[in-house]
């Protein structure tokens, strides 16, 4: 049995994913499946738990100092796993990457400025942009042959000159795209044409399906370092999002100074638990665990897609990365309220609603299949029953 087959009861553990699903979606955890929040129902690698146990055994939880090992671990991981050379002094630690995104807004934009998103895209981007008093500028992705692509000519026409930043999700959430080097080059050129700071959120960069390769934006377009901010994290890779540690990596000294000033103004410093966990995760043992994880997730992907695509009128977008399936219900002819009701009330599965991801998400639901395979099988069976009248 794979280490990922273990069914772990997370109910009553202050898990957003399981303990808030009834409040958000009306799906009781006693009989439902939580397939919404993007965390996994797997234990992290043993090296991470050992690092925490070492802290407990020591028994003193003071301020964290001397982060050289932590920075070195990040540099080792990016070079070894992604072919990207990072200098330790480029790295800032934020309270996760939603916080990192918010810090970028404060560092590089002013209230009222436009911030470009390629939509549909991770819903927290728009939330923090609007909360910061900035304007969301949606550049719709184009569906070609069932996957998302960019339309830069169309995007150029949408620009007004009030935009100051563009945020790229790479790999893409929720569509699961691994952007090609050519597409990344197109985003970089777009940012340069319109004088935009480019924030590349690459939080899913380790969770790439076999046959695909993630290229960091810093590698695809090294000539735009003077406008590039990279964001990575251990949170999605190792299922430790509760540690709230993200890496904001800024190669350019001028951009780095502005980000540092914004962080200083907020009085932000990382928590020791997260730094110990991240340092342990970015290691050869952590790398071996990730390789096993991706193989397992790929098996779940194939199982989920085969079962969902067997339902007439329902299509799961071909996934190249992440563990988040983007499922299109347009072919059923049902109104959004009807197919959502069937998923939540009949199948008793809590999922993310497509419209929260912005323009283009109206006919979709997002399913998280990072769970033991038996639960994926159960989810597929429930979905097929809920839409059985279409068979």
Protein backbone atom coordinates (compact mmCIF):
# COMPACT_ATOMS: atom_id res chain seq x y z
CA UNK A 1 0.00 0.00 0.00
CA UNK A 2 1.27 3.46 -0.89
CA UNK A 3 1.93 5.89 1.94
CA UNK A 4 -0.66 8.10 0.26
CA UNK A 5 -3.45 5.51 0.58
CA UNK A 6 -3.86 6.10 4.31
CA UNK A 7 -7.26 7.62 5.10
CA UNK A 8 -6.76 10.25 7.80
CA UNK A 9 -9.77 11.67 9.66
CA UNK A 10 -9.29 15.45 9.60
CA UNK A 11 -12.73 16.35 10.97
CA UNK A 12 -12.53 18.32 14.19
CA UNK A 13 -8.86 19.26 13.66
CA UNK A 14 -9.53 22.92 12.73
CA UNK A 15 -9.15 21.99 9.07
CA UNK A 16 -10.64 24.64 6.80
CA UNK A 17 -11.16 22.00 4.14
CA UNK A 18 -13.16 19.60 6.31
CA UNK A 19 -14.49 21.65 9.23
CA UNK A 20 -15.92 24.51 7.17
CA UNK A 21 -17.38 22.60 4.23
CA UNK A 22 -20.86 22.43 5.76
CA UNK A 23 -20.90 26.16 6.53
CA UNK A 24 -19.68 27.07 3.03
CA UNK A 25 -21.39 24.47 0.87
CA UNK A 26 -24.02 22.72 2.96
CA UNK A 27 -22.11 19.42 2.73
CA UNK A 28 -21.77 17.63 6.06
CA UNK A 29 -18.31 16.16 6.74
CA UNK A 30 -20.03 13.16 8.26
CA UNK A 31 -21.17 12.00 4.83
CA UNK A 32 -19.49 14.32 2.35
CA UNK A 33 -16.16 14.56 0.55
CA UNK A 34 -14.05 17.72 0.79
CA UNK A 35 -12.65 18.51 -2.66
CA UNK A 36 -12.39 22.28 -2.48
CA UNK A 37 -9.53 23.94 -0.52
CA UNK A 38 -6.16 23.30 -2.18
CA UNK A 39 -4.46 21.25 0.47
CA UNK A 40 -3.84 17.52 0.40
CA UNK A 41 -5.16 14.80 2.69
CA UNK A 42 -1.64 13.35 2.97
CA UNK A 43 0.97 13.52 5.70
CA UNK A 44 4.11 15.49 4.79
CA UNK A 45 7.45 13.71 4.39
CA UNK A 46 8.95 12.31 7.58
CA UNK A 47 11.80 14.83 7.47
CA UNK A 48 9.31 17.65 8.05
CA UNK A 49 7.69 15.94 11.02
CA UNK A 50 11.14 15.15 12.43
CA UNK A 51 12.07 18.82 12.26
CA UNK A 52 8.98 19.73 14.27
CA UNK A 53 9.64 16.94 16.74
CA UNK A 54 13.14 18.30 17.22
CA UNK A 55 11.66 21.67 18.15
CA UNK A 56 9.28 20.03 20.61
CA UNK A 57 12.09 18.03 22.18
CA UNK A 58 14.16 21.19 22.57
CA UNK A 59 11.17 22.83 24.22
CA UNK A 60 11.99 26.50 23.72
CA UNK A 61 10.21 28.48 21.03
CA UNK A 62 12.00 31.81 20.84
CA UNK A 63 12.77 34.11 17.96
CA UNK A 64 14.38 32.50 14.92
CA UNK A 65 17.89 33.68 14.06
CA UNK A 66 20.62 32.76 11.56
CA UNK A 67 18.53 31.70 8.57
CA UNK A 68 21.50 30.69 6.40
CA UNK A 69 20.46 27.01 6.30
CA UNK A 70 16.93 27.98 5.33
CA UNK A 71 18.11 30.21 2.47
CA UNK A 72 20.64 27.61 1.33
CA UNK A 73 17.89 24.98 1.19
CA UNK A 74 15.79 27.21 -1.06
CA UNK A 75 18.74 27.88 -3.34
CA UNK A 76 19.59 24.16 -3.51
CA UNK A 77 16.01 23.23 -4.38
CA UNK A 78 15.59 25.80 -7.13
CA UNK A 79 18.92 24.86 -8.73
CA UNK A 80 18.49 21.10 -8.37
CA UNK A 81 14.80 20.76 -9.21
CA UNK A 82 14.28 23.69 -11.59
CA UNK A 83 17.65 24.68 -13.05
CA UNK A 84 17.31 28.16 -11.61
CA UNK A 85 20.23 29.78 -9.79
CA UNK A 86 19.03 31.89 -6.86
CA UNK A 87 21.20 34.03 -4.59
CA UNK A 88 20.39 33.92 -0.84
CA UNK A 89 20.04 37.68 -0.58
CA UNK A 90 17.24 37.66 -3.16
CA UNK A 91 14.87 35.81 -0.80
CA UNK A 92 12.15 37.30 1.39
CA UNK A 93 9.95 35.14 3.64
CA UNK A 94 6.28 36.10 3.76
CA UNK A 95 3.29 34.59 5.56
CA UNK A 96 2.41 32.49 2.53
CA UNK A 97 2.00 33.63 -1.04
CA UNK A 98 -1.36 35.34 -0.68
CA UNK A 99 0.46 37.57 1.78
CA UNK A 100 3.34 37.75 -0.71
CA UNK A 101 0.90 38.93 -3.39
CA UNK A 102 -0.49 41.58 -1.06
CA UNK A 103 3.03 42.75 -0.22
CA UNK A 104 3.79 43.10 -3.94
CA UNK A 105 0.71 45.28 -4.35
CA UNK A 106 1.85 47.57 -1.55
CA UNK A 107 5.44 47.65 -2.82
CA UNK A 108 4.83 48.27 -6.52
CA UNK A 109 1.38 49.83 -7.00
CA UNK A 110 -0.82 52.61 -5.63
CA UNK A 111 -4.56 52.66 -4.84
CA UNK A 112 -6.54 52.86 -8.06
CA UNK A 113 -3.84 51.24 -10.20
CA UNK A 114 -4.81 48.40 -12.52
CA UNK A 115 -3.51 44.88 -11.88
CA UNK A 116 -3.77 42.41 -14.76
CA UNK A 117 -4.95 38.83 -14.27
CA UNK A 118 -5.25 36.11 -16.93
CA UNK A 119 -8.66 34.74 -16.02
CA UNK A 120 -10.07 32.42 -14.89
CA UNK A 121 -7.36 32.23 -12.23
CA UNK A 122 -6.76 31.59 -8.52
CA UNK A 123 -9.49 33.51 -6.72
CA UNK A 124 -7.34 34.99 -3.93
CA UNK A 125 -5.55 37.26 -6.41
CA UNK A 126 -8.67 39.30 -7.19
CA UNK A 127 -9.70 39.29 -3.54
CA UNK A 128 -6.49 40.92 -2.29
CA UNK A 129 -6.27 43.29 -5.26
CA UNK A 130 -9.73 44.68 -4.52
CA UNK A 131 -9.14 44.73 -0.76
CA UNK A 132 -6.01 46.83 -1.37
CA UNK A 133 -8.03 49.39 -3.35
CA UNK A 134 -6.53 48.42 -6.70
CA UNK A 135 -8.49 47.55 -9.86
CA UNK A 136 -8.68 44.05 -11.32
CA UNK A 137 -8.09 44.03 -15.08
CA UNK A 138 -9.19 40.71 -16.55
CA UNK A 139 -7.48 39.36 -19.66
CA UNK A 140 -9.49 36.27 -20.61
CA UNK A 141 -7.67 33.07 -21.47
CA UNK A 142 -8.71 31.43 -24.74
CA UNK A 143 -9.86 27.83 -25.03
CA UNK A 144 -8.17 26.00 -27.89
CA UNK A 145 -8.36 22.22 -28.26
CA UNK A 146 -9.70 21.99 -24.72
CA UNK A 147 -6.86 23.86 -22.95
CA UNK A 148 -6.10 27.47 -22.14
CA UNK A 149 -3.88 29.65 -24.28
CA UNK A 150 -2.92 33.34 -24.30
CA UNK A 151 -4.17 36.02 -26.72
CA UNK A 152 -1.63 38.83 -26.44
CA UNK A 153 -3.06 40.87 -29.31
CA UNK A 154 -6.37 40.91 -27.48
CA UNK A 155 -4.69 41.77 -24.20
CA UNK A 156 -2.79 44.68 -25.74
CA UNK A 157 -6.11 46.15 -26.84
CA UNK A 158 -7.46 46.00 -23.29
CA UNK A 159 -4.65 48.05 -21.74
CA UNK A 160 -5.43 51.67 -20.84
CA UNK A 161 -2.11 52.82 -19.39
CA UNK A 162 -3.45 52.70 -15.82
CA UNK A 163 -2.06 49.20 -15.25
CA UNK A 164 1.07 48.80 -13.13
CA UNK A 165 1.34 45.07 -12.47
CA UNK A 166 0.52 41.69 -14.00
CA UNK A 167 0.23 38.49 -11.97
CA UNK A 168 0.88 35.17 -13.70
CA UNK A 169 -0.11 31.82 -12.20
CA UNK A 170 2.48 29.30 -13.45
CA UNK A 171 1.58 26.44 -13.55
CA UNK A 172 -1.97 27.64 -13.94
CA UNK A 173 -4.63 27.19 -11.28
CA UNK A 174 -7.36 26.17 -12.02
CA UNK A 175 -6.64 25.04 -15.59
CA UNK A 176 -3.59 22.91 -14.82
CA UNK A 177 -1.56 24.37 -17.72
CA UNK A 178 2.22 24.22 -17.75
CA UNK A 179 3.05 27.29 -19.82
CA UNK A 180 5.63 26.73 -22.53
CA UNK A 181 8.84 28.74 -22.70
CA UNK A 182 7.37 30.53 -25.73
CA UNK A 183 4.21 31.46 -23.82
CA UNK A 184 6.26 32.68 -20.87
CA UNK A 185 8.33 34.78 -23.25
CA UNK A 186 5.06 36.25 -24.53
CA UNK A 187 4.00 37.21 -21.00
CA UNK A 188 7.39 38.80 -20.39
CA UNK A 189 7.17 40.82 -23.60
CA UNK A 190 3.62 41.87 -22.73
CA UNK A 191 4.84 43.13 -19.33
CA UNK A 192 7.68 45.03 -20.97
CA UNK A 193 5.43 46.61 -23.65
CA UNK A 194 3.11 48.00 -20.99
CA UNK A 195 5.75 48.76 -18.36
CA UNK A 196 4.29 46.33 -15.82
CA UNK A 197 5.91 44.66 -12.84
CA UNK A 198 5.53 40.93 -13.48
CA UNK A 199 4.74 38.79 -10.43
CA UNK A 200 5.05 35.09 -11.29
CA UNK A 201 3.33 32.87 -8.72
CA UNK A 202 4.89 29.44 -9.19
CA UNK A 203 3.55 27.74 -6.07
CA UNK A 204 2.56 24.58 -8.00
CA UNK A 205 5.89 24.27 -9.84
CA UNK A 206 6.84 20.97 -8.17
CA UNK A 207 3.53 19.26 -8.95
CA UNK A 208 3.95 18.68 -12.68
CA UNK A 209 2.57 15.58 -14.37
CA UNK A 210 4.87 13.16 -16.21
CA UNK A 211 5.68 14.29 -19.74
CA UNK A 212 5.62 18.00 -18.87
CA UNK A 213 8.34 20.35 -17.63
CA UNK A 214 7.91 23.58 -15.73
CA UNK A 215 10.16 26.47 -16.77
CA UNK A 216 10.63 29.25 -14.18
CA UNK A 217 9.85 32.68 -15.57
CA UNK A 218 13.31 33.82 -14.42
CA UNK A 219 14.83 31.17 -16.71
CA UNK A 220 12.47 31.76 -19.64
CA UNK A 221 12.99 35.54 -19.66
CA UNK A 222 16.19 36.49 -17.84
CA UNK A 223 16.30 39.87 -19.60
CA UNK A 224 13.29 41.21 -17.67
CA UNK A 225 14.85 40.78 -14.21
CA UNK A 226 14.39 44.52 -13.62
CA UNK A 227 10.62 44.02 -13.54
CA UNK A 228 10.31 40.41 -12.29
CA UNK A 229 9.21 39.10 -8.89
CA UNK A 230 9.15 35.32 -8.39
CA UNK A 231 6.99 33.59 -5.77
CA UNK A 232 7.47 29.97 -4.64
CA UNK A 233 6.67 27.99 -1.51
CA UNK A 234 6.89 24.62 0.22
CA UNK A 235 3.20 24.82 1.14
CA UNK A 236 1.53 23.11 -1.84
CA UNK A 237 4.46 20.82 -2.60
CA UNK A 238 4.69 19.30 0.88
CA UNK A 239 1.17 19.94 2.21
CA UNK A 240 2.31 22.35 4.92
CA UNK A 241 0.20 25.41 4.05
CA UNK A 242 -0.58 25.93 7.74
CA UNK A 243 3.06 26.89 8.27
CA UNK A 244 2.35 30.10 6.33
CA UNK A 245 5.80 30.51 4.82
CA UNK A 246 6.31 31.69 1.26
CA UNK A 247 9.37 32.69 -0.73
CA UNK A 248 9.28 36.02 -2.58
CA UNK A 249 12.44 36.01 -4.67
CA UNK A 250 13.50 39.33 -6.23
CA UNK A 251 16.66 39.27 -8.41
CA UNK A 252 16.73 43.02 -9.13
CA UNK A 253 18.26 45.24 -6.43
CA UNK A 254 15.91 48.18 -7.00
CA UNK A 255 12.78 46.03 -6.87
CA UNK A 256 14.22 44.23 -3.87
CA UNK A 257 14.69 47.50 -1.98
CA UNK A 258 11.09 48.49 -2.60
CA UNK A 259 9.80 45.12 -1.42
CA UNK A 260 12.02 45.22 1.64
CA UNK A 261 10.72 48.66 2.54
CA UNK A 262 7.11 47.47 2.26
CA UNK A 263 7.83 44.48 4.51
CA UNK A 264 9.62 46.66 7.05
CA UNK A 265 6.66 49.01 7.12
CA UNK A 266 4.39 46.09 7.99
CA UNK A 267 6.73 44.71 10.66
CA UNK A 268 6.64 41.27 9.06
CA UNK A 269 8.96 38.46 10.08
CA UNK A 270 8.52 34.69 9.59
CA UNK A 271 7.61 32.15 12.26
CA UNK A 272 10.24 29.65 13.36
CA UNK A 273 8.04 26.58 12.88
CA UNK A 274 7.56 27.33 9.20
CA UNK A 275 11.26 28.00 8.61
CA UNK A 276 12.31 24.72 10.22
CA UNK A 277 9.69 22.84 8.19
CA UNK A 278 10.69 24.47 4.89
CA UNK A 279 14.39 23.83 5.51
CA UNK A 280 13.71 20.15 6.18
CA UNK A 281 11.41 19.81 3.16
CA UNK A 282 13.87 21.25 0.66
CA UNK A 283 16.21 18.28 0.96
CA UNK A 284 17.05 15.03 -0.87
CA UNK A 285 14.54 13.19 1.35
CA UNK A 286 11.88 15.75 0.52
CA UNK A 287 12.70 15.44 -3.19
CA UNK A 288 12.27 11.67 -3.12
CA UNK A 289 8.90 12.10 -1.40
CA UNK A 290 7.75 14.60 -4.04
CA UNK A 291 8.65 12.18 -6.83
CA UNK A 292 6.46 9.52 -5.20
CA UNK A 293 3.69 12.06 -4.64
CA UNK A 294 3.57 13.17 -8.28
CA UNK A 295 3.36 9.55 -9.45
CA UNK A 296 0.45 8.98 -7.09
CA UNK A 297 -1.31 12.19 -8.10
CA UNK A 298 -0.95 11.24 -11.75
CA UNK A 299 -2.72 7.96 -10.98
CA UNK A 300 -5.51 9.86 -9.24
CA UNK A 301 -5.73 12.24 -12.21
CA UNK A 302 -6.17 9.42 -14.68
CA UNK A 303 -8.80 7.73 -12.51
CA UNK A 304 -10.72 10.94 -11.96
CA UNK A 305 -10.62 12.08 -15.59
CA UNK A 306 -11.68 8.70 -16.96
CA UNK A 307 -14.67 8.57 -14.62
CA UNK A 308 -15.75 12.18 -15.04
CA UNK A 309 -15.33 12.24 -18.81
CA UNK A 310 -17.57 9.17 -19.02
CA UNK A 311 -20.49 11.34 -17.90
CA UNK A 312 -22.19 12.73 -21.04
CA UNK A 313 -21.74 16.49 -21.33
CA UNK A 314 -19.10 16.71 -18.57
CA UNK A 315 -15.43 17.27 -19.39
CA UNK A 316 -12.37 17.54 -17.17
CA UNK A 317 -9.75 19.84 -18.70
CA UNK A 318 -6.56 17.93 -19.63
CA UNK A 319 -4.23 18.56 -16.71
CA UNK A 320 -0.49 19.11 -16.96
CA UNK A 321 0.15 20.16 -13.35
CA UNK A 322 -1.40 20.66 -9.89
CA UNK A 323 -3.94 18.34 -8.25
CA UNK A 324 -6.92 20.53 -9.12
CA UNK A 325 -9.30 19.33 -11.83
CA UNK A 326 -11.21 22.01 -13.75
CA UNK A 327 -14.47 20.41 -14.83
CA UNK A 328 -16.71 21.85 -17.53
CA UNK A 329 -20.46 21.16 -17.26
CA UNK A 330 -21.58 23.20 -20.29
CA UNK A 331 -22.26 20.10 -22.35
CA UNK A 332 -24.99 18.98 -19.97
CA UNK A 333 -27.13 21.95 -20.95
CA UNK A 334 -27.83 22.56 -17.26
CA UNK A 335 -27.89 25.91 -15.56
CA UNK A 336 -25.02 26.49 -13.14
CA UNK A 337 -27.37 26.23 -10.18
CA UNK A 338 -28.54 22.79 -11.31
CA UNK A 339 -25.18 21.09 -11.90
CA UNK A 340 -23.83 22.64 -8.71
CA UNK A 341 -26.82 21.34 -6.76
CA UNK A 342 -26.26 17.85 -8.09
CA UNK A 343 -22.60 17.87 -7.07
CA UNK A 344 -23.16 19.31 -3.60
CA UNK A 345 -26.56 17.93 -2.60
CA UNK A 346 -26.80 14.68 -4.55
CA UNK A 347 -23.13 13.61 -4.70
CA UNK A 348 -22.35 15.39 -1.39
CA UNK A 349 -19.04 16.75 -2.64
CA UNK A 350 -17.81 20.20 -1.62
CA UNK A 351 -16.05 21.92 -4.56
CA UNK A 352 -14.95 25.41 -5.58
CA UNK A 353 -17.42 27.34 -7.72
CA UNK A 354 -16.12 28.44 -11.10
CA UNK A 355 -17.25 32.10 -11.05
CA UNK A 356 -14.99 32.84 -8.08
CA UNK A 357 -12.02 32.42 -10.46
CA UNK A 358 -13.17 35.31 -12.65
CA UNK A 359 -14.34 35.67 -16.22
CA UNK A 360 -14.60 32.34 -18.01
CA UNK A 361 -15.28 30.25 -14.91
CA UNK A 362 -19.07 30.33 -15.09
CA UNK A 363 -19.57 26.80 -16.42
CA UNK A 364 -16.91 25.11 -14.27
CA UNK A 365 -16.33 23.56 -10.86
CA UNK A 366 -12.88 22.85 -9.40
CA UNK A 367 -12.21 19.46 -7.77
CA UNK A 368 -9.20 18.70 -5.52
CA UNK A 369 -8.23 15.04 -5.94
CA UNK A 370 -5.17 15.07 -3.63
CA UNK A 371 -6.66 12.39 -1.42
CA UNK A 372 -6.36 8.63 -0.94
CA UNK A 373 -7.30 6.81 -4.14
CA UNK A 374 -10.25 5.08 -2.50
CA UNK A 375 -11.81 8.50 -1.95
CA UNK A 376 -11.23 9.47 -5.57
CA UNK A 377 -12.99 6.27 -6.61
CA UNK A 378 -15.86 7.16 -4.28
CA UNK A 379 -16.07 10.68 -5.70
CA UNK A 380 -16.28 9.37 -9.26
CA UNK A 381 -18.98 6.87 -8.30
CA UNK A 382 -21.00 9.59 -6.59
CA UNK A 383 -20.70 11.90 -9.59
CA UNK A 384 -21.82 9.18 -11.99
CA UNK A 385 -24.87 8.48 -9.81
CA UNK A 386 -25.70 12.18 -9.46
CA UNK A 387 -25.74 12.57 -13.25
CA UNK A 388 -27.02 9.06 -13.97
CA UNK A 389 -30.00 10.34 -15.93
CA UNK A 390 -27.60 11.54 -18.63
CA UNK A 391 -26.21 8.06 -19.27
